[in-house]
């Protein structure tokens, strides 16, 4: 018997108010919920960008940050990030640090599905070879952070909206990729 993934629902001011099935909550009227976004760096200072699998429910085929996910009820953010790094990319991560603790966004996909998340943004490092799951990642690339910012500014439609907004916020903060 497979277990459904649960997400933590939040009040408008960011406090947990319950849980829901991840698949059931991502609709045209998505409730605010807790998530995270992670940018993985290598020792050369490059950032890993991934292209979402074409089978993804939302934003299929667009380039985005290294990986995203949702902590389960009672799961620490650190444990959730490590779990998703292993599941999506087949890697372990080190030196995890929050770079945008208050990132929050709402975006509507072309299909009408809404992402509505309080989504702290993290940076982590790996020395592992990337081994992505085909149901999560279509392609990946290590790029210089400046090149990523330039590409997202030149063609924002090719990237997830949350990545474009994260890059904008990071450019205005003392913490950059």
N, C-alpha and C. Protein backbone atom coordinates (compact mmCIF):
# COMPACT_ATOMS: atom_id res chain seq x y z
N UNK A 1 0.85 -1.19 0.00
CA UNK A 1 0.00 0.00 0.00
C UNK A 1 0.89 1.24 0.00
N UNK A 2 0.67 2.16 -0.94
CA UNK A 2 1.49 3.37 -0.99
C UNK A 2 0.90 4.44 -0.09
N UNK A 3 1.78 5.22 0.48
CA UNK A 3 1.36 6.28 1.37
C UNK A 3 1.39 7.59 0.59
N UNK A 4 0.33 8.41 0.74
CA UNK A 4 0.31 9.69 0.03
C UNK A 4 1.17 10.69 0.78
N UNK A 5 1.77 11.61 0.02
CA UNK A 5 2.59 12.65 0.61
C UNK A 5 1.69 13.75 1.15
N UNK A 6 1.93 14.15 2.38
CA UNK A 6 1.15 15.19 3.03
C UNK A 6 1.93 16.50 3.03
N UNK A 7 1.21 17.61 2.89
CA UNK A 7 1.81 18.94 3.03
C UNK A 7 1.19 19.63 4.23
N UNK A 8 1.92 20.61 4.76
CA UNK A 8 1.47 21.37 5.92
C UNK A 8 0.75 22.61 5.42
N UNK A 9 -0.54 22.73 5.75
CA UNK A 9 -1.33 23.90 5.38
C UNK A 9 -1.04 25.03 6.35
N UNK A 10 -1.08 26.26 5.84
CA UNK A 10 -0.74 27.42 6.65
C UNK A 10 -1.86 28.45 6.64
N UNK A 11 -1.98 29.19 7.74
CA UNK A 11 -2.86 30.35 7.78
C UNK A 11 -2.19 31.46 6.97
N UNK A 12 -2.91 32.52 6.68
CA UNK A 12 -2.35 33.60 5.88
C UNK A 12 -1.14 34.24 6.55
N UNK A 13 -1.08 34.16 7.89
CA UNK A 13 0.09 34.72 8.58
C UNK A 13 1.18 33.68 8.82
N UNK A 14 1.07 32.52 8.16
CA UNK A 14 2.16 31.55 8.15
C UNK A 14 2.18 30.51 9.24
N UNK A 15 1.10 30.35 9.98
CA UNK A 15 1.07 29.35 11.05
C UNK A 15 0.40 28.06 10.56
N UNK A 16 0.93 26.90 10.98
CA UNK A 16 0.32 25.63 10.58
C UNK A 16 -1.13 25.53 11.06
N UNK A 17 -2.00 25.07 10.14
CA UNK A 17 -3.42 24.93 10.49
C UNK A 17 -3.96 23.55 10.13
N UNK A 18 -3.11 22.68 9.61
CA UNK A 18 -3.57 21.35 9.24
C UNK A 18 -2.68 20.73 8.19
N UNK A 19 -3.15 19.63 7.63
CA UNK A 19 -2.40 18.95 6.58
C UNK A 19 -3.38 18.54 5.48
N UNK A 20 -2.81 18.23 4.33
CA UNK A 20 -3.61 17.77 3.20
C UNK A 20 -2.74 16.92 2.29
N UNK A 21 -3.37 16.09 1.49
CA UNK A 21 -2.68 15.30 0.49
C UNK A 21 -2.06 16.25 -0.55
N UNK A 22 -0.78 16.07 -0.86
CA UNK A 22 -0.08 16.95 -1.80
C UNK A 22 -0.81 17.04 -3.14
N UNK A 23 -1.25 15.93 -3.68
CA UNK A 23 -1.93 15.93 -4.98
C UNK A 23 -3.25 16.67 -4.89
N UNK A 24 -3.99 16.47 -3.81
CA UNK A 24 -5.30 17.09 -3.66
C UNK A 24 -5.21 18.60 -3.42
N UNK A 25 -4.12 19.06 -2.85
CA UNK A 25 -4.01 20.48 -2.51
C UNK A 25 -3.58 21.33 -3.72
N UNK A 26 -2.90 20.75 -4.69
CA UNK A 26 -2.45 21.50 -5.86
C UNK A 26 -3.55 21.48 -6.93
N UNK A 27 -4.37 22.54 -6.91
CA UNK A 27 -5.53 22.65 -7.79
C UNK A 27 -5.57 24.07 -8.36
N UNK A 28 -6.71 24.44 -8.92
CA UNK A 28 -6.89 25.82 -9.39
C UNK A 28 -7.18 26.76 -8.22
N UNK A 29 -7.33 26.21 -7.02
CA UNK A 29 -7.57 27.01 -5.81
C UNK A 29 -6.70 26.46 -4.67
N UNK A 30 -5.40 26.43 -4.88
CA UNK A 30 -4.46 25.82 -3.95
C UNK A 30 -4.40 26.59 -2.64
N UNK A 31 -4.54 25.86 -1.54
CA UNK A 31 -4.41 26.45 -0.22
C UNK A 31 -2.94 26.80 0.05
N UNK A 32 -2.72 27.84 0.84
CA UNK A 32 -1.37 28.21 1.24
C UNK A 32 -0.75 27.06 2.02
N UNK A 33 0.48 26.68 1.65
CA UNK A 33 1.14 25.57 2.33
C UNK A 33 2.65 25.81 2.37
N UNK A 34 3.31 24.99 3.17
CA UNK A 34 4.75 25.12 3.41
C UNK A 34 5.54 24.33 2.38
N UNK A 35 6.59 24.93 1.88
CA UNK A 35 7.46 24.29 0.90
C UNK A 35 8.89 24.77 1.15
N UNK A 36 9.80 24.37 0.29
CA UNK A 36 11.17 24.88 0.29
C UNK A 36 11.70 24.82 -1.13
N UNK A 37 12.73 25.59 -1.37
CA UNK A 37 13.42 25.61 -2.64
C UNK A 37 14.91 25.54 -2.32
N UNK A 38 15.67 24.75 -3.09
CA UNK A 38 17.10 24.60 -2.81
C UNK A 38 17.93 24.81 -4.06
N UNK A 39 18.98 25.58 -3.92
CA UNK A 39 19.96 25.80 -4.97
C UNK A 39 21.23 25.06 -4.56
N UNK A 40 21.64 24.09 -5.37
CA UNK A 40 22.81 23.29 -5.06
C UNK A 40 24.00 23.86 -5.82
N UNK A 41 25.09 24.02 -5.11
CA UNK A 41 26.33 24.55 -5.66
C UNK A 41 27.39 23.45 -5.68
N UNK A 42 28.35 23.58 -6.59
CA UNK A 42 29.50 22.69 -6.57
C UNK A 42 30.72 23.47 -6.07
N UNK A 43 31.83 22.80 -5.90
CA UNK A 43 33.03 23.45 -5.37
C UNK A 43 33.61 24.48 -6.33
N UNK A 44 33.23 24.43 -7.61
CA UNK A 44 33.70 25.42 -8.59
C UNK A 44 32.86 26.69 -8.55
N UNK A 45 31.84 26.74 -7.68
CA UNK A 45 31.00 27.92 -7.57
C UNK A 45 29.85 27.96 -8.56
N UNK A 46 29.60 26.85 -9.25
CA UNK A 46 28.48 26.79 -10.18
C UNK A 46 27.22 26.35 -9.44
N UNK A 47 26.08 26.74 -9.99
CA UNK A 47 24.79 26.36 -9.43
C UNK A 47 24.14 25.34 -10.38
N UNK A 48 23.48 24.37 -9.79
CA UNK A 48 22.78 23.34 -10.56
C UNK A 48 21.38 23.82 -10.90
N UNK A 49 21.06 23.89 -12.19
CA UNK A 49 19.70 24.16 -12.62
C UNK A 49 19.15 22.89 -13.25
N UNK A 50 17.86 22.69 -13.08
CA UNK A 50 17.22 21.50 -13.62
C UNK A 50 16.04 21.89 -14.49
N UNK A 51 15.78 21.07 -15.46
CA UNK A 51 14.59 21.26 -16.30
C UNK A 51 13.56 20.25 -15.84
N UNK A 52 12.40 20.74 -15.47
CA UNK A 52 11.35 19.89 -14.93
C UNK A 52 10.90 18.85 -15.95
N UNK A 53 10.65 17.65 -15.47
CA UNK A 53 10.19 16.57 -16.34
C UNK A 53 8.92 16.99 -17.07
N UNK A 54 8.75 16.50 -18.27
CA UNK A 54 7.56 16.82 -19.06
C UNK A 54 6.30 16.23 -18.45
N UNK A 55 6.45 15.25 -17.58
CA UNK A 55 5.30 14.61 -16.92
C UNK A 55 4.85 15.35 -15.66
N UNK A 56 5.55 16.43 -15.26
CA UNK A 56 5.18 17.17 -14.05
C UNK A 56 3.81 17.82 -14.23
N UNK A 57 3.03 17.87 -13.16
CA UNK A 57 1.70 18.47 -13.18
C UNK A 57 1.77 19.97 -13.48
N UNK A 58 2.72 20.66 -12.87
CA UNK A 58 2.85 22.10 -13.07
C UNK A 58 4.19 22.44 -13.70
N UNK A 59 4.18 23.42 -14.55
CA UNK A 59 5.36 23.93 -15.22
C UNK A 59 6.24 22.81 -15.80
N UNK A 60 5.65 21.89 -16.55
CA UNK A 60 6.47 20.84 -17.16
C UNK A 60 7.44 21.44 -18.18
N UNK A 61 8.66 20.93 -18.17
CA UNK A 61 9.64 21.32 -19.17
C UNK A 61 10.33 22.65 -18.96
N UNK A 62 10.03 23.39 -17.89
CA UNK A 62 10.71 24.66 -17.67
C UNK A 62 11.96 24.43 -16.81
N UNK A 63 12.91 25.33 -16.96
CA UNK A 63 14.12 25.29 -16.14
C UNK A 63 13.80 25.92 -14.79
N UNK A 64 14.43 25.40 -13.76
CA UNK A 64 14.16 25.88 -12.41
C UNK A 64 15.38 25.70 -11.53
N UNK A 65 15.21 25.98 -10.25
CA UNK A 65 16.28 25.79 -9.29
C UNK A 65 16.62 24.29 -9.21
N UNK A 66 17.57 23.93 -8.38
CA UNK A 66 18.04 22.54 -8.32
C UNK A 66 16.91 21.58 -7.96
N UNK A 67 16.17 21.87 -6.90
CA UNK A 67 15.01 21.06 -6.54
C UNK A 67 14.16 21.80 -5.52
N UNK A 68 12.91 21.36 -5.42
CA UNK A 68 11.94 21.91 -4.48
C UNK A 68 11.24 20.76 -3.78
N UNK A 69 10.48 21.09 -2.77
CA UNK A 69 9.69 20.06 -2.11
C UNK A 69 8.89 20.63 -0.97
N UNK A 70 8.32 19.72 -0.21
CA UNK A 70 7.47 20.08 0.93
C UNK A 70 7.89 19.25 2.13
N UNK A 71 8.10 19.89 3.28
CA UNK A 71 8.34 19.09 4.48
C UNK A 71 7.03 18.42 4.89
N UNK A 72 7.12 17.20 5.35
CA UNK A 72 5.94 16.53 5.85
C UNK A 72 5.59 17.02 7.24
N UNK A 73 4.40 16.70 7.72
CA UNK A 73 4.02 17.09 9.07
C UNK A 73 5.04 16.55 10.08
N UNK A 74 5.58 17.45 10.91
CA UNK A 74 6.55 17.06 11.93
C UNK A 74 7.96 16.83 11.42
N UNK A 75 8.20 16.99 10.13
CA UNK A 75 9.53 16.78 9.55
C UNK A 75 10.29 18.10 9.55
N UNK A 76 11.54 18.07 9.97
CA UNK A 76 12.34 19.30 9.94
C UNK A 76 12.62 19.68 8.49
N UNK A 77 12.84 20.95 8.26
CA UNK A 77 13.17 21.44 6.93
C UNK A 77 14.46 20.77 6.44
N UNK A 78 15.44 20.64 7.33
CA UNK A 78 16.72 20.03 6.96
C UNK A 78 16.53 18.59 6.49
N UNK A 79 15.72 17.82 7.21
CA UNK A 79 15.47 16.43 6.83
C UNK A 79 14.70 16.35 5.51
N UNK A 80 13.74 17.25 5.32
CA UNK A 80 12.96 17.25 4.07
C UNK A 80 13.85 17.58 2.88
N UNK A 81 14.74 18.53 3.05
CA UNK A 81 15.64 18.92 1.95
C UNK A 81 16.58 17.77 1.62
N UNK A 82 17.15 17.12 2.62
CA UNK A 82 18.03 15.98 2.38
C UNK A 82 17.28 14.85 1.68
N UNK A 83 16.04 14.61 2.10
CA UNK A 83 15.21 13.56 1.50
C UNK A 83 14.96 13.84 0.02
N UNK A 84 14.58 15.07 -0.30
CA UNK A 84 14.29 15.42 -1.70
C UNK A 84 15.55 15.45 -2.56
N UNK A 85 16.68 15.87 -2.00
CA UNK A 85 17.94 15.86 -2.76
C UNK A 85 18.27 14.44 -3.19
N UNK A 86 18.10 13.50 -2.28
CA UNK A 86 18.36 12.10 -2.60
C UNK A 86 17.33 11.57 -3.60
N UNK A 87 16.05 11.86 -3.37
CA UNK A 87 15.00 11.32 -4.23
C UNK A 87 15.05 11.88 -5.65
N UNK A 88 15.19 13.20 -5.78
CA UNK A 88 15.13 13.82 -7.11
C UNK A 88 16.44 13.74 -7.88
N UNK A 89 17.57 13.90 -7.15
CA UNK A 89 18.85 14.03 -7.84
C UNK A 89 19.86 12.94 -7.50
N UNK A 90 19.54 12.10 -6.52
CA UNK A 90 20.45 11.04 -6.14
C UNK A 90 21.71 11.54 -5.46
N UNK A 91 21.61 12.67 -4.76
CA UNK A 91 22.78 13.27 -4.13
C UNK A 91 22.59 13.47 -2.63
N UNK A 92 23.71 13.60 -1.94
CA UNK A 92 23.71 14.09 -0.57
C UNK A 92 24.20 15.53 -0.62
N UNK A 93 23.76 16.31 0.34
CA UNK A 93 24.13 17.72 0.37
C UNK A 93 24.83 18.04 1.68
N UNK A 94 25.62 19.12 1.65
CA UNK A 94 26.31 19.61 2.84
C UNK A 94 26.14 21.12 2.90
N UNK A 95 26.56 21.70 4.00
CA UNK A 95 26.58 23.15 4.21
C UNK A 95 25.26 23.82 3.84
N UNK A 96 24.18 23.27 4.32
CA UNK A 96 22.85 23.81 4.06
C UNK A 96 22.67 25.12 4.81
N UNK A 97 22.25 26.17 4.08
CA UNK A 97 21.98 27.46 4.72
C UNK A 97 20.80 28.14 4.06
N UNK A 98 20.01 28.82 4.86
CA UNK A 98 18.86 29.54 4.33
C UNK A 98 19.36 30.87 3.75
N UNK A 99 18.91 31.21 2.53
CA UNK A 99 19.33 32.46 1.89
C UNK A 99 18.17 33.44 1.72
N UNK A 100 16.95 32.94 1.67
CA UNK A 100 15.74 33.78 1.64
C UNK A 100 14.72 33.16 2.60
N UNK A 101 14.81 33.50 3.88
CA UNK A 101 13.94 32.83 4.85
C UNK A 101 12.46 33.15 4.72
N UNK A 102 12.13 34.30 4.15
CA UNK A 102 10.74 34.74 4.09
C UNK A 102 10.13 34.71 2.69
N UNK A 103 10.71 33.93 1.79
CA UNK A 103 10.19 33.89 0.42
C UNK A 103 8.79 33.28 0.40
N UNK A 104 7.89 33.97 -0.28
CA UNK A 104 6.50 33.51 -0.40
C UNK A 104 6.02 33.89 -1.80
N UNK A 105 5.28 33.01 -2.43
CA UNK A 105 4.81 33.32 -3.77
C UNK A 105 3.51 32.60 -4.08
N UNK A 106 2.84 33.15 -5.08
CA UNK A 106 1.65 32.54 -5.67
C UNK A 106 1.80 32.68 -7.18
N UNK A 107 1.68 31.57 -7.89
CA UNK A 107 1.83 31.57 -9.34
C UNK A 107 0.81 30.62 -9.95
N UNK A 108 0.32 30.98 -11.12
CA UNK A 108 -0.67 30.16 -11.82
C UNK A 108 -0.05 29.62 -13.10
N UNK A 109 -0.05 28.30 -13.24
CA UNK A 109 0.46 27.62 -14.42
C UNK A 109 -0.49 27.84 -15.60
N UNK A 110 0.00 27.60 -16.80
CA UNK A 110 -0.84 27.74 -18.00
C UNK A 110 -2.07 26.84 -17.95
N UNK A 111 -1.98 25.72 -17.23
CA UNK A 111 -3.12 24.81 -17.10
C UNK A 111 -4.12 25.27 -16.05
N UNK A 112 -3.78 26.32 -15.30
CA UNK A 112 -4.67 26.84 -14.27
C UNK A 112 -4.33 26.36 -12.87
N UNK A 113 -3.38 25.43 -12.74
CA UNK A 113 -2.97 24.95 -11.42
C UNK A 113 -2.18 26.05 -10.72
N UNK A 114 -2.47 26.22 -9.43
CA UNK A 114 -1.87 27.29 -8.64
C UNK A 114 -0.82 26.72 -7.69
N UNK A 115 0.31 27.40 -7.61
CA UNK A 115 1.28 27.18 -6.53
C UNK A 115 1.09 28.34 -5.58
N UNK A 116 0.94 28.04 -4.29
CA UNK A 116 0.68 29.06 -3.27
C UNK A 116 1.46 28.63 -2.04
N UNK A 117 2.68 29.16 -1.90
CA UNK A 117 3.59 28.61 -0.91
C UNK A 117 4.35 29.65 -0.10
N UNK A 118 4.53 29.35 1.16
CA UNK A 118 5.56 29.96 1.97
C UNK A 118 6.75 29.03 1.77
N UNK A 119 7.82 29.55 1.18
CA UNK A 119 8.85 28.70 0.59
C UNK A 119 10.26 29.22 0.89
N UNK A 120 10.78 29.00 2.10
CA UNK A 120 12.15 29.44 2.36
C UNK A 120 13.10 28.86 1.31
N UNK A 121 14.09 29.65 0.94
CA UNK A 121 15.04 29.27 -0.10
C UNK A 121 16.40 28.97 0.56
N UNK A 122 16.97 27.83 0.17
CA UNK A 122 18.23 27.36 0.75
C UNK A 122 19.30 27.23 -0.32
N UNK A 123 20.56 27.27 0.15
CA UNK A 123 21.71 26.93 -0.68
C UNK A 123 22.40 25.76 0.01
N UNK A 124 22.86 24.81 -0.79
CA UNK A 124 23.59 23.66 -0.28
C UNK A 124 24.69 23.31 -1.27
N UNK A 125 25.55 22.42 -0.88
CA UNK A 125 26.67 22.00 -1.73
C UNK A 125 26.67 20.50 -1.88
N UNK A 126 27.23 20.04 -2.99
CA UNK A 126 27.44 18.61 -3.20
C UNK A 126 28.71 18.40 -4.00
N UNK A 127 29.31 17.24 -3.80
CA UNK A 127 30.42 16.80 -4.64
C UNK A 127 30.01 15.53 -5.38
N UNK A 128 28.76 15.11 -5.21
CA UNK A 128 28.25 13.89 -5.84
C UNK A 128 27.94 14.10 -7.32
N UNK A 129 27.99 13.02 -8.07
CA UNK A 129 27.52 13.04 -9.45
C UNK A 129 26.00 13.09 -9.42
N UNK A 130 25.41 13.88 -10.29
CA UNK A 130 23.96 14.02 -10.35
C UNK A 130 23.37 12.80 -11.05
N UNK A 131 22.37 12.19 -10.43
CA UNK A 131 21.67 11.02 -10.98
C UNK A 131 20.17 11.26 -10.87
N UNK A 132 19.62 12.12 -11.72
CA UNK A 132 18.22 12.54 -11.58
C UNK A 132 17.22 11.44 -11.91
N UNK A 133 16.07 11.51 -11.23
CA UNK A 133 14.94 10.63 -11.55
C UNK A 133 14.22 11.21 -12.76
N UNK A 134 13.90 10.37 -13.71
CA UNK A 134 13.27 10.82 -14.95
C UNK A 134 11.88 11.42 -14.71
N UNK A 135 11.19 11.01 -13.66
CA UNK A 135 9.86 11.58 -13.39
C UNK A 135 9.93 12.95 -12.71
N UNK A 136 11.13 13.39 -12.37
CA UNK A 136 11.33 14.70 -11.74
C UNK A 136 12.09 15.67 -12.64
N UNK A 137 13.15 15.17 -13.29
CA UNK A 137 14.09 16.03 -14.00
C UNK A 137 14.32 15.52 -15.42
N UNK A 138 14.11 16.41 -16.40
CA UNK A 138 14.35 16.06 -17.80
C UNK A 138 15.82 16.26 -18.16
N UNK A 139 16.43 17.33 -17.65
CA UNK A 139 17.84 17.63 -17.91
C UNK A 139 18.37 18.46 -16.75
N UNK A 140 19.69 18.58 -16.71
CA UNK A 140 20.31 19.44 -15.71
C UNK A 140 21.57 20.04 -16.29
N UNK A 141 22.01 21.13 -15.66
CA UNK A 141 23.22 21.81 -16.12
C UNK A 141 23.84 22.56 -14.94
N UNK A 142 25.16 22.51 -14.85
CA UNK A 142 25.90 23.34 -13.89
C UNK A 142 26.23 24.65 -14.61
N UNK A 143 25.88 25.78 -14.04
CA UNK A 143 26.11 27.08 -14.68
C UNK A 143 26.66 28.08 -13.67
N UNK A 144 27.30 29.09 -14.18
CA UNK A 144 27.75 30.20 -13.33
C UNK A 144 26.52 30.98 -12.88
N UNK A 145 26.48 31.38 -11.61
CA UNK A 145 25.31 32.15 -11.15
C UNK A 145 25.00 33.38 -11.99
N UNK A 146 26.02 34.11 -12.45
CA UNK A 146 25.78 35.28 -13.30
C UNK A 146 25.11 34.89 -14.62
N UNK A 147 25.52 33.77 -15.18
CA UNK A 147 24.91 33.29 -16.43
C UNK A 147 23.44 32.93 -16.21
N UNK A 148 23.14 32.33 -15.07
CA UNK A 148 21.74 31.99 -14.76
C UNK A 148 20.91 33.26 -14.62
N UNK A 149 21.42 34.24 -13.89
CA UNK A 149 20.67 35.51 -13.73
C UNK A 149 20.44 36.17 -15.09
N UNK A 150 21.45 36.18 -15.94
CA UNK A 150 21.32 36.79 -17.27
C UNK A 150 20.28 36.05 -18.11
N UNK A 151 20.32 34.73 -18.09
CA UNK A 151 19.37 33.93 -18.88
C UNK A 151 17.94 34.14 -18.39
N UNK A 152 17.75 34.15 -17.08
CA UNK A 152 16.40 34.33 -16.52
C UNK A 152 15.86 35.73 -16.83
N UNK A 153 16.73 36.73 -16.82
CA UNK A 153 16.30 38.08 -17.16
C UNK A 153 15.96 38.21 -18.64
N UNK A 154 16.71 37.51 -19.50
CA UNK A 154 16.50 37.61 -20.95
C UNK A 154 15.29 36.81 -21.42
N UNK A 155 15.02 35.68 -20.75
CA UNK A 155 13.92 34.80 -21.20
C UNK A 155 13.18 34.22 -19.99
N UNK A 156 12.50 35.05 -19.20
CA UNK A 156 11.87 34.55 -17.99
C UNK A 156 10.83 33.46 -18.24
N UNK A 157 10.23 33.44 -19.41
CA UNK A 157 9.23 32.42 -19.75
C UNK A 157 9.81 31.02 -19.80
N UNK A 158 11.11 30.89 -19.95
CA UNK A 158 11.75 29.57 -20.02
C UNK A 158 12.05 28.99 -18.64
N UNK A 159 11.80 29.79 -17.59
CA UNK A 159 12.12 29.41 -16.22
C UNK A 159 10.85 29.42 -15.36
N UNK A 160 10.91 28.67 -14.26
CA UNK A 160 9.78 28.71 -13.32
C UNK A 160 9.67 30.12 -12.75
N UNK A 161 8.45 30.57 -12.48
CA UNK A 161 8.31 31.92 -11.94
C UNK A 161 9.00 32.07 -10.59
N UNK A 162 8.97 31.01 -9.77
CA UNK A 162 9.60 31.12 -8.46
C UNK A 162 11.12 31.30 -8.59
N UNK A 163 11.75 30.67 -9.58
CA UNK A 163 13.19 30.87 -9.76
C UNK A 163 13.47 32.31 -10.17
N UNK A 164 12.72 32.85 -11.10
CA UNK A 164 12.92 34.23 -11.53
C UNK A 164 12.78 35.18 -10.34
N UNK A 165 11.75 34.99 -9.53
CA UNK A 165 11.53 35.86 -8.37
C UNK A 165 12.62 35.67 -7.32
N UNK A 166 13.07 34.43 -7.11
CA UNK A 166 14.15 34.19 -6.16
C UNK A 166 15.43 34.90 -6.60
N UNK A 167 15.75 34.80 -7.89
CA UNK A 167 16.95 35.46 -8.39
C UNK A 167 16.86 36.97 -8.22
N UNK A 168 15.67 37.54 -8.45
CA UNK A 168 15.47 38.98 -8.24
C UNK A 168 15.70 39.35 -6.78
N UNK A 169 15.13 38.58 -5.87
CA UNK A 169 15.29 38.88 -4.44
C UNK A 169 16.73 38.68 -3.99
N UNK A 170 17.38 37.65 -4.49
CA UNK A 170 18.77 37.41 -4.12
C UNK A 170 19.69 38.52 -4.64
N UNK A 171 19.38 39.06 -5.81
CA UNK A 171 20.20 40.15 -6.37
C UNK A 171 20.12 41.39 -5.50
N UNK A 172 19.00 41.56 -4.81
CA UNK A 172 18.80 42.73 -3.96
C UNK A 172 19.24 42.49 -2.51
N UNK A 173 19.70 41.29 -2.20
CA UNK A 173 20.08 40.97 -0.82
C UNK A 173 21.59 40.81 -0.71
N UNK A 174 22.12 40.87 0.51
CA UNK A 174 23.56 40.66 0.67
C UNK A 174 23.97 39.19 0.43
N UNK A 175 23.00 38.29 0.49
CA UNK A 175 23.26 36.87 0.24
C UNK A 175 22.93 36.55 -1.20
N UNK A 176 23.91 36.14 -1.97
CA UNK A 176 23.67 35.77 -3.36
C UNK A 176 24.12 34.35 -3.58
N UNK A 177 23.75 33.81 -4.75
CA UNK A 177 24.20 32.45 -5.08
C UNK A 177 25.68 32.47 -5.38
